[in-house]
Amino acid sequence: MKTTPEINIAVKNAAKDGKLSCTLARKLADELHVPPKVIGDTCNELKIKIFACELGCF
């Protein structure tokens, strides 16, 4: 599954100072009904760093 404009906007809005917590990334994945990898790939494309990774998903 690839990223969409809706996912890009959600990730951009959730990220603070170019960073997104793992907890929030997983929550976004659940809310958007996509695998966590899609959120991770979107963050990579947007140059957003995921921090405080809890499960090694990203």
N, C-alpha and C. Protein backbone atom coordinates (compact mmCIF):
# COMPACT_ATOMS: atom_id res chain seq x y z
N MET A 1 0.85 -1.19 0.00
CA MET A 1 0.00 0.00 0.00
C MET A 1 0.89 1.24 0.00
N LYS A 2 0.51 2.20 -0.79
CA LYS A 2 1.29 3.43 -0.89
C LYS A 2 0.62 4.55 -0.13
N THR A 3 1.41 5.58 0.10
CA THR A 3 0.89 6.75 0.79
C THR A 3 -0.11 7.50 -0.10
N THR A 4 -0.98 8.26 0.54
CA THR A 4 -1.99 9.06 -0.17
C THR A 4 -1.89 10.49 0.34
N PRO A 5 -2.51 11.42 -0.37
CA PRO A 5 -2.52 12.80 0.13
C PRO A 5 -3.12 12.91 1.54
N GLU A 6 -4.15 12.10 1.82
CA GLU A 6 -4.77 12.13 3.16
C GLU A 6 -3.75 11.70 4.22
N ILE A 7 -2.98 10.66 3.93
CA ILE A 7 -1.96 10.18 4.88
C ILE A 7 -0.88 11.23 5.04
N ASN A 8 -0.43 11.82 3.94
CA ASN A 8 0.60 12.87 4.01
C ASN A 8 0.15 14.01 4.92
N ILE A 9 -1.07 14.46 4.73
CA ILE A 9 -1.59 15.58 5.54
C ILE A 9 -1.68 15.19 7.01
N ALA A 10 -2.17 13.99 7.29
CA ALA A 10 -2.30 13.54 8.68
C ALA A 10 -0.94 13.46 9.36
N VAL A 11 0.05 12.94 8.66
CA VAL A 11 1.41 12.83 9.23
C VAL A 11 2.00 14.22 9.44
N LYS A 12 1.88 15.09 8.45
CA LYS A 12 2.40 16.46 8.59
C LYS A 12 1.76 17.18 9.77
N ASN A 13 0.46 17.03 9.92
CA ASN A 13 -0.26 17.70 11.02
C ASN A 13 0.13 17.13 12.38
N ALA A 14 0.44 15.85 12.43
CA ALA A 14 0.78 15.22 13.71
C ALA A 14 2.23 15.46 14.12
N ALA A 15 3.10 15.67 13.15
CA ALA A 15 4.53 15.84 13.45
C ALA A 15 4.79 17.22 14.05
N LYS A 16 5.64 17.22 15.05
CA LYS A 16 6.07 18.47 15.68
C LYS A 16 7.57 18.62 15.45
N ASP A 17 7.98 19.74 14.89
CA ASP A 17 9.40 20.01 14.64
C ASP A 17 10.06 18.90 13.83
N GLY A 18 9.33 18.35 12.87
CA GLY A 18 9.90 17.31 12.02
C GLY A 18 10.06 15.96 12.70
N LYS A 19 9.32 15.75 13.80
CA LYS A 19 9.42 14.50 14.54
C LYS A 19 8.02 13.98 14.86
N LEU A 20 7.93 12.64 14.97
CA LEU A 20 6.68 11.99 15.29
C LEU A 20 6.98 10.83 16.22
N SER A 21 6.28 10.75 17.34
CA SER A 21 6.54 9.66 18.28
C SER A 21 6.01 8.35 17.70
N CYS A 22 6.60 7.28 18.11
CA CYS A 22 6.17 5.95 17.69
C CYS A 22 4.72 5.72 18.10
N THR A 23 4.37 6.11 19.29
CA THR A 23 3.00 5.93 19.78
C THR A 23 2.01 6.63 18.87
N LEU A 24 2.31 7.86 18.50
CA LEU A 24 1.41 8.62 17.64
C LEU A 24 1.40 8.04 16.22
N ALA A 25 2.53 7.56 15.74
CA ALA A 25 2.59 6.95 14.41
C ALA A 25 1.70 5.71 14.36
N ARG A 26 1.76 4.89 15.39
CA ARG A 26 0.91 3.68 15.43
C ARG A 26 -0.56 4.06 15.55
N LYS A 27 -0.86 5.10 16.30
CA LYS A 27 -2.24 5.57 16.44
C LYS A 27 -2.76 6.06 15.09
N LEU A 28 -1.94 6.81 14.36
CA LEU A 28 -2.33 7.27 13.03
C LEU A 28 -2.60 6.10 12.10
N ALA A 29 -1.74 5.10 12.15
CA ALA A 29 -1.93 3.91 11.31
C ALA A 29 -3.29 3.27 11.61
N ASP A 30 -3.62 3.15 12.88
CA ASP A 30 -4.92 2.58 13.26
C ASP A 30 -6.08 3.44 12.76
N GLU A 31 -5.97 4.75 12.97
CA GLU A 31 -7.05 5.66 12.57
C GLU A 31 -7.26 5.67 11.06
N LEU A 32 -6.15 5.56 10.32
CA LEU A 32 -6.22 5.62 8.86
C LEU A 32 -6.40 4.24 8.22
N HIS A 33 -6.42 3.20 9.07
CA HIS A 33 -6.61 1.82 8.61
C HIS A 33 -5.54 1.40 7.61
N VAL A 34 -4.28 1.71 7.96
CA VAL A 34 -3.14 1.31 7.12
C VAL A 34 -2.11 0.62 8.02
N PRO A 35 -1.24 -0.19 7.44
CA PRO A 35 -0.18 -0.80 8.23
C PRO A 35 0.81 0.27 8.72
N PRO A 36 1.44 0.06 9.87
CA PRO A 36 2.42 1.02 10.37
C PRO A 36 3.52 1.34 9.35
N LYS A 37 3.87 0.38 8.50
CA LYS A 37 4.91 0.61 7.49
C LYS A 37 4.55 1.76 6.56
N VAL A 38 3.27 1.93 6.26
CA VAL A 38 2.85 3.03 5.38
C VAL A 38 3.14 4.37 6.06
N ILE A 39 2.88 4.46 7.34
CA ILE A 39 3.19 5.69 8.08
C ILE A 39 4.70 5.90 8.11
N GLY A 40 5.45 4.83 8.33
CA GLY A 40 6.91 4.93 8.32
C GLY A 40 7.44 5.39 6.98
N ASP A 41 6.92 4.81 5.91
CA ASP A 41 7.35 5.21 4.55
C ASP A 41 6.99 6.66 4.28
N THR A 42 5.82 7.08 4.73
CA THR A 42 5.40 8.47 4.55
C THR A 42 6.34 9.41 5.30
N CYS A 43 6.70 9.03 6.52
CA CYS A 43 7.64 9.84 7.30
C CYS A 43 8.98 9.95 6.58
N ASN A 44 9.45 8.85 6.03
CA ASN A 44 10.71 8.88 5.28
C ASN A 44 10.61 9.84 4.10
N GLU A 45 9.52 9.77 3.35
CA GLU A 45 9.33 10.65 2.19
C GLU A 45 9.28 12.11 2.60
N LEU A 46 8.68 12.39 3.75
CA LEU A 46 8.51 13.76 4.21
C LEU A 46 9.66 14.23 5.09
N LYS A 47 10.66 13.37 5.27
CA LYS A 47 11.84 13.69 6.11
C LYS A 47 11.43 13.97 7.56
N ILE A 48 10.48 13.18 8.05
CA ILE A 48 10.03 13.28 9.44
C ILE A 48 10.63 12.11 10.20
N LYS A 49 11.26 12.40 11.33
CA LYS A 49 11.92 11.37 12.13
C LYS A 49 10.95 10.79 13.16
N ILE A 50 10.91 9.47 13.24
CA ILE A 50 10.11 8.80 14.26
C ILE A 50 11.02 8.56 15.46
N PHE A 51 10.55 8.97 16.65
CA PHE A 51 11.37 8.82 17.86
C PHE A 51 10.61 8.01 18.90
N ALA A 52 11.34 7.59 19.91
CA ALA A 52 10.80 6.81 21.03
C ALA A 52 10.13 5.54 20.51
N CYS A 53 10.80 4.85 19.59
CA CYS A 53 10.23 3.64 19.01
C CYS A 53 10.13 2.58 20.09
N GLU A 54 8.95 1.98 20.20
CA GLU A 54 8.67 1.02 21.26
C GLU A 54 8.80 -0.42 20.82
N LEU A 55 8.48 -0.69 19.56
CA LEU A 55 8.42 -2.08 19.12
C LEU A 55 9.34 -2.40 17.95
N GLY A 56 10.11 -1.43 17.49
CA GLY A 56 10.97 -1.66 16.35
C GLY A 56 10.21 -1.70 15.04
N CYS A 57 9.02 -1.10 15.01
CA CYS A 57 8.19 -1.12 13.80
C CYS A 57 8.72 -0.17 12.73
N PHE A 58 9.45 0.85 13.15
CA PHE A 58 9.86 1.89 12.20
C PHE A 58 11.37 1.95 12.09
